[in-house]
Amino acid sequence: MSELTEASGAGDPAGDAVRHRVVEEGLATLTPQARAAVVLRHYYGYDYAEIASFLQTSPGNVGSLLSRAHADLRLQLAVGSDADPADSPTEFRIPAAGLSGDRRPDR
């Protein structure tokens, strides 16, 4: 989950607990497939091809799932903080380039 909270200034235990709760609540509102894609990508570091294999879909569909899920999460997090969604952090955005690289924990 570090990617989801790194840009939010992690380090404050109370703030970390609140961020964790807010992210968990946001994830709970996603469809099961979108939630799985987000968790596999950001919690476990799988690439689009691996996620596509797990979800039995195409890598392109994984990109679409993640894009919509990130937009939904940004909106929910902005609403929860009374901030303008257009000003919300971009830590949920996944660049089109640079999707390779294994950031999964050691197994």
N, C-alpha and C. Protein backbone atom coordinates (compact mmCIF):
# COMPACT_ATOMS: atom_id res chain seq x y z
N MET A 1 0.82 -1.19 0.00
CA MET A 1 0.00 0.00 0.00
C MET A 1 0.86 1.25 0.00
N SER A 2 2.14 1.13 0.04
CA SER A 2 3.00 2.29 0.16
C SER A 2 2.79 3.29 -0.96
N GLU A 3 2.55 2.83 -2.20
CA GLU A 3 2.31 3.78 -3.29
C GLU A 3 1.07 4.60 -3.04
N LEU A 4 0.09 4.02 -2.39
CA LEU A 4 -1.16 4.73 -2.16
C LEU A 4 -1.02 5.80 -1.09
N THR A 5 -0.03 5.66 -0.21
CA THR A 5 0.08 6.62 0.88
C THR A 5 1.36 7.42 0.89
N GLU A 6 2.36 7.04 0.08
CA GLU A 6 3.64 7.74 0.11
C GLU A 6 3.48 9.23 -0.12
N ALA A 7 2.71 9.62 -1.12
CA ALA A 7 2.58 11.03 -1.47
C ALA A 7 1.74 11.80 -0.46
N SER A 8 1.11 11.11 0.47
CA SER A 8 0.24 11.79 1.41
C SER A 8 0.95 12.17 2.71
N GLY A 9 2.25 11.99 2.75
CA GLY A 9 3.00 12.41 3.93
C GLY A 9 2.94 11.40 5.05
N ALA A 10 3.08 10.13 4.74
CA ALA A 10 3.05 9.10 5.76
C ALA A 10 4.12 9.36 6.81
N GLY A 11 3.89 8.91 8.01
CA GLY A 11 4.83 9.12 9.09
C GLY A 11 4.12 9.46 10.38
N ASP A 12 2.94 10.02 10.29
CA ASP A 12 2.11 10.36 11.44
C ASP A 12 1.22 9.16 11.72
N PRO A 13 1.40 8.47 12.86
CA PRO A 13 0.61 7.26 13.13
C PRO A 13 -0.90 7.48 13.07
N ALA A 14 -1.39 8.57 13.62
CA ALA A 14 -2.83 8.83 13.58
C ALA A 14 -3.27 9.09 12.14
N GLY A 15 -2.48 9.86 11.43
CA GLY A 15 -2.79 10.14 10.03
C GLY A 15 -2.72 8.88 9.18
N ASP A 16 -1.75 8.01 9.48
CA ASP A 16 -1.63 6.75 8.76
C ASP A 16 -2.88 5.89 8.96
N ALA A 17 -3.37 5.84 10.18
CA ALA A 17 -4.57 5.05 10.47
C ALA A 17 -5.77 5.60 9.73
N VAL A 18 -5.90 6.91 9.69
CA VAL A 18 -7.02 7.53 8.98
C VAL A 18 -6.90 7.26 7.48
N ARG A 19 -5.70 7.45 6.92
CA ARG A 19 -5.49 7.19 5.49
C ARG A 19 -5.80 5.74 5.16
N HIS A 20 -5.35 4.83 6.02
CA HIS A 20 -5.61 3.41 5.79
C HIS A 20 -7.11 3.14 5.77
N ARG A 21 -7.84 3.69 6.72
CA ARG A 21 -9.28 3.49 6.78
C ARG A 21 -9.96 4.07 5.54
N VAL A 22 -9.56 5.27 5.14
CA VAL A 22 -10.19 5.92 3.98
C VAL A 22 -9.92 5.13 2.70
N VAL A 23 -8.68 4.65 2.54
CA VAL A 23 -8.35 3.86 1.36
C VAL A 23 -9.13 2.55 1.37
N GLU A 24 -9.20 1.90 2.52
CA GLU A 24 -9.96 0.64 2.62
C GLU A 24 -11.44 0.86 2.29
N GLU A 25 -12.00 1.94 2.80
CA GLU A 25 -13.40 2.25 2.49
C GLU A 25 -13.58 2.52 1.00
N GLY A 26 -12.64 3.23 0.40
CA GLY A 26 -12.70 3.50 -1.03
C GLY A 26 -12.60 2.22 -1.84
N LEU A 27 -11.69 1.34 -1.46
CA LEU A 27 -11.55 0.06 -2.16
C LEU A 27 -12.83 -0.76 -2.07
N ALA A 28 -13.49 -0.69 -0.93
CA ALA A 28 -14.72 -1.47 -0.73
C ALA A 28 -15.83 -1.05 -1.67
N THR A 29 -15.77 0.18 -2.19
CA THR A 29 -16.83 0.66 -3.09
C THR A 29 -16.61 0.25 -4.54
N LEU A 30 -15.41 -0.24 -4.86
CA LEU A 30 -15.10 -0.63 -6.23
C LEU A 30 -15.72 -1.98 -6.56
N THR A 31 -15.89 -2.25 -7.84
CA THR A 31 -16.35 -3.57 -8.25
C THR A 31 -15.28 -4.59 -7.85
N PRO A 32 -15.65 -5.84 -7.67
CA PRO A 32 -14.65 -6.84 -7.28
C PRO A 32 -13.47 -6.92 -8.25
N GLN A 33 -13.74 -6.82 -9.55
CA GLN A 33 -12.66 -6.91 -10.52
C GLN A 33 -11.74 -5.68 -10.45
N ALA A 34 -12.33 -4.50 -10.31
CA ALA A 34 -11.52 -3.28 -10.20
C ALA A 34 -10.71 -3.29 -8.90
N ARG A 35 -11.33 -3.72 -7.82
CA ARG A 35 -10.63 -3.80 -6.53
C ARG A 35 -9.46 -4.78 -6.63
N ALA A 36 -9.68 -5.93 -7.26
CA ALA A 36 -8.60 -6.90 -7.42
C ALA A 36 -7.47 -6.31 -8.25
N ALA A 37 -7.79 -5.60 -9.31
CA ALA A 37 -6.75 -4.99 -10.15
C ALA A 37 -5.93 -3.98 -9.35
N VAL A 38 -6.59 -3.14 -8.57
CA VAL A 38 -5.88 -2.13 -7.77
C VAL A 38 -4.99 -2.81 -6.73
N VAL A 39 -5.51 -3.79 -6.04
CA VAL A 39 -4.74 -4.48 -5.00
C VAL A 39 -3.55 -5.21 -5.62
N LEU A 40 -3.78 -5.92 -6.72
CA LEU A 40 -2.68 -6.64 -7.35
C LEU A 40 -1.61 -5.70 -7.87
N ARG A 41 -2.02 -4.55 -8.37
CA ARG A 41 -1.05 -3.59 -8.91
C ARG A 41 -0.31 -2.84 -7.81
N HIS A 42 -1.04 -2.27 -6.87
CA HIS A 42 -0.43 -1.36 -5.90
C HIS A 42 0.03 -2.03 -4.60
N TYR A 43 -0.63 -3.08 -4.18
CA TYR A 43 -0.21 -3.75 -2.97
C TYR A 43 0.88 -4.79 -3.27
N TYR A 44 0.74 -5.48 -4.41
CA TYR A 44 1.65 -6.57 -4.73
C TYR A 44 2.60 -6.28 -5.87
N GLY A 45 2.37 -5.22 -6.64
CA GLY A 45 3.30 -4.81 -7.69
C GLY A 45 3.28 -5.62 -8.96
N TYR A 46 2.21 -6.35 -9.22
CA TYR A 46 2.13 -7.12 -10.46
C TYR A 46 1.97 -6.18 -11.65
N ASP A 47 2.49 -6.60 -12.81
CA ASP A 47 2.33 -5.79 -14.01
C ASP A 47 0.99 -6.12 -14.69
N TYR A 48 0.67 -5.35 -15.72
CA TYR A 48 -0.64 -5.49 -16.36
C TYR A 48 -0.86 -6.90 -16.93
N ALA A 49 0.16 -7.49 -17.53
CA ALA A 49 0.01 -8.82 -18.11
C ALA A 49 -0.30 -9.87 -17.03
N GLU A 50 0.38 -9.75 -15.90
CA GLU A 50 0.14 -10.70 -14.81
C GLU A 50 -1.26 -10.53 -14.24
N ILE A 51 -1.67 -9.28 -14.06
CA ILE A 51 -3.02 -9.02 -13.55
C ILE A 51 -4.05 -9.55 -14.53
N ALA A 52 -3.81 -9.34 -15.82
CA ALA A 52 -4.73 -9.82 -16.84
C ALA A 52 -4.87 -11.34 -16.76
N SER A 53 -3.77 -12.01 -16.52
CA SER A 53 -3.80 -13.46 -16.39
C SER A 53 -4.64 -13.89 -15.18
N PHE A 54 -4.44 -13.22 -14.06
CA PHE A 54 -5.20 -13.55 -12.85
C PHE A 54 -6.69 -13.31 -13.05
N LEU A 55 -7.02 -12.20 -13.71
CA LEU A 55 -8.43 -11.81 -13.87
C LEU A 55 -9.05 -12.37 -15.14
N GLN A 56 -8.27 -13.11 -15.91
CA GLN A 56 -8.74 -13.71 -17.16
C GLN A 56 -9.33 -12.65 -18.09
N THR A 57 -8.52 -11.63 -18.34
CA THR A 57 -8.91 -10.55 -19.23
C THR A 57 -7.66 -10.09 -19.97
N SER A 58 -7.77 -9.04 -20.76
CA SER A 58 -6.62 -8.54 -21.52
C SER A 58 -5.88 -7.46 -20.73
N PRO A 59 -4.59 -7.27 -21.03
CA PRO A 59 -3.85 -6.18 -20.38
C PRO A 59 -4.50 -4.81 -20.64
N GLY A 60 -5.06 -4.62 -21.82
CA GLY A 60 -5.75 -3.36 -22.11
C GLY A 60 -6.93 -3.14 -21.20
N ASN A 61 -7.67 -4.21 -20.91
CA ASN A 61 -8.80 -4.09 -20.01
C ASN A 61 -8.33 -3.80 -18.58
N VAL A 62 -7.19 -4.35 -18.21
CA VAL A 62 -6.62 -4.04 -16.89
C VAL A 62 -6.33 -2.54 -16.80
N GLY A 63 -5.75 -1.98 -17.85
CA GLY A 63 -5.48 -0.55 -17.87
C GLY A 63 -6.76 0.26 -17.72
N SER A 64 -7.81 -0.16 -18.40
CA SER A 64 -9.10 0.53 -18.29
C SER A 64 -9.68 0.40 -16.89
N LEU A 65 -9.62 -0.80 -16.33
CA LEU A 65 -10.11 -1.03 -14.97
C LEU A 65 -9.39 -0.12 -13.98
N LEU A 66 -8.06 -0.09 -14.09
CA LEU A 66 -7.27 0.72 -13.17
C LEU A 66 -7.54 2.21 -13.35
N SER A 67 -7.68 2.64 -14.59
CA SER A 67 -7.95 4.05 -14.84
C SER A 67 -9.27 4.48 -14.21
N ARG A 68 -10.31 3.68 -14.42
CA ARG A 68 -11.61 4.01 -13.82
C ARG A 68 -11.56 3.91 -12.30
N ALA A 69 -10.89 2.88 -11.79
CA ALA A 69 -10.80 2.71 -10.34
C ALA A 69 -10.05 3.88 -9.71
N HIS A 70 -8.96 4.30 -10.33
CA HIS A 70 -8.19 5.43 -9.81
C HIS A 70 -9.03 6.70 -9.80
N ALA A 71 -9.78 6.92 -10.88
CA ALA A 71 -10.65 8.10 -10.94
C ALA A 71 -11.70 8.04 -9.84
N ASP A 72 -12.30 6.88 -9.65
CA ASP A 72 -13.30 6.72 -8.58
C ASP A 72 -12.69 6.98 -7.21
N LEU A 73 -11.51 6.42 -6.97
CA LEU A 73 -10.84 6.60 -5.68
C LEU A 73 -10.45 8.06 -5.46
N ARG A 74 -9.93 8.71 -6.50
CA ARG A 74 -9.59 10.13 -6.37
C ARG A 74 -10.80 10.95 -5.98
N LEU A 75 -11.92 10.68 -6.65
CA LEU A 75 -13.15 11.41 -6.36
C LEU A 75 -13.61 11.14 -4.93
N GLN A 76 -13.61 9.89 -4.51
CA GLN A 76 -14.04 9.55 -3.16
C GLN A 76 -13.13 10.17 -2.11
N LEU A 77 -11.83 10.14 -2.35
CA LEU A 77 -10.90 10.72 -1.39
C LEU A 77 -11.06 12.23 -1.34
N ALA A 78 -11.32 12.85 -2.47
CA ALA A 78 -11.51 14.30 -2.50
C ALA A 78 -12.81 14.67 -1.80
N VAL A 79 -13.87 13.91 -2.02
CA VAL A 79 -15.16 14.18 -1.36
C VAL A 79 -15.01 14.01 0.14
N GLY A 80 -14.27 12.98 0.55
CA GLY A 80 -14.07 12.73 1.96
C GLY A 80 -13.28 13.82 2.65
N SER A 81 -12.46 14.54 1.88
CA SER A 81 -11.66 15.60 2.47
C SER A 81 -12.17 16.98 2.12
N ASP A 82 -13.32 17.07 1.46
CA ASP A 82 -13.91 18.33 1.02
C ASP A 82 -12.98 19.11 0.10
N ALA A 83 -12.12 18.42 -0.62
CA ALA A 83 -11.22 19.07 -1.57
C ALA A 83 -11.80 18.99 -2.97
N ASP A 84 -11.30 19.81 -3.86
CA ASP A 84 -11.71 19.78 -5.25
C ASP A 84 -11.07 18.56 -5.91
N PRO A 85 -11.85 17.64 -6.54
CA PRO A 85 -11.27 16.46 -7.16
C PRO A 85 -10.21 16.80 -8.20
N ALA A 86 -10.32 17.95 -8.85
CA ALA A 86 -9.32 18.34 -9.84
C ALA A 86 -7.98 18.63 -9.18
N ASP A 87 -7.98 18.96 -7.89
CA ASP A 87 -6.75 19.25 -7.17
C ASP A 87 -6.21 18.04 -6.42
N SER A 88 -6.87 16.90 -6.53
CA SER A 88 -6.46 15.73 -5.76
C SER A 88 -5.11 15.21 -6.25
N PRO A 89 -4.39 14.53 -5.37
CA PRO A 89 -3.07 14.01 -5.72
C PRO A 89 -3.15 13.04 -6.88
N THR A 90 -2.05 12.87 -7.56
CA THR A 90 -2.01 12.00 -8.73
C THR A 90 -1.40 10.64 -8.42
N GLU A 91 -1.23 10.29 -7.13
CA GLU A 91 -0.57 9.03 -6.83
C GLU A 91 -1.31 7.81 -7.33
N PHE A 92 -2.57 7.96 -7.72
CA PHE A 92 -3.32 6.83 -8.25
C PHE A 92 -3.17 6.70 -9.75
N ARG A 93 -2.55 7.65 -10.40
CA ARG A 93 -2.40 7.61 -11.85
C ARG A 93 -1.23 6.71 -12.19
N ILE A 94 -1.45 5.86 -13.17
CA ILE A 94 -0.41 4.95 -13.64
C ILE A 94 0.01 5.44 -15.01
N PRO A 95 1.29 5.75 -15.20
CA PRO A 95 1.73 6.23 -16.51
C PRO A 95 1.62 5.15 -17.56
N ALA A 96 1.38 5.56 -18.79
CA ALA A 96 1.27 4.60 -19.89
C ALA A 96 2.60 3.92 -20.15
N ALA A 97 3.68 4.62 -19.91
CA ALA A 97 5.01 4.04 -20.12
C ALA A 97 5.57 3.58 -18.77
N GLY A 98 6.54 2.72 -18.83
CA GLY A 98 7.23 2.32 -17.61
C GLY A 98 6.45 1.33 -16.77
N LEU A 99 5.69 0.46 -17.41
CA LEU A 99 4.91 -0.51 -16.66
C LEU A 99 5.71 -1.75 -16.31
N SER A 100 6.90 -1.86 -16.83
CA SER A 100 7.69 -3.04 -16.52
C SER A 100 8.41 -2.83 -15.19
N GLY A 101 8.98 -3.87 -14.71
CA GLY A 101 9.70 -3.77 -13.44
C GLY A 101 8.97 -4.53 -12.37
N ASP A 102 9.68 -5.35 -11.66
CA ASP A 102 9.09 -6.21 -10.65
C ASP A 102 9.26 -5.57 -9.28
N ARG A 103 8.18 -5.10 -8.70
CA ARG A 103 8.24 -4.49 -7.38
C ARG A 103 7.56 -5.37 -6.34
N ARG A 104 7.34 -6.63 -6.70
CA ARG A 104 6.70 -7.54 -5.77
C ARG A 104 7.62 -7.88 -4.63
N PRO A 105 7.04 -8.16 -3.48
CA PRO A 105 7.87 -8.58 -2.34
C PRO A 105 8.52 -9.92 -2.63
N ASP A 106 9.65 -10.17 -1.98
CA ASP A 106 10.33 -11.46 -2.14
C ASP A 106 9.39 -12.57 -1.73
N ARG A 107 9.47 -13.64 -2.48
CA ARG A 107 8.57 -14.77 -2.18
C ARG A 107 9.33 -15.93 -1.66
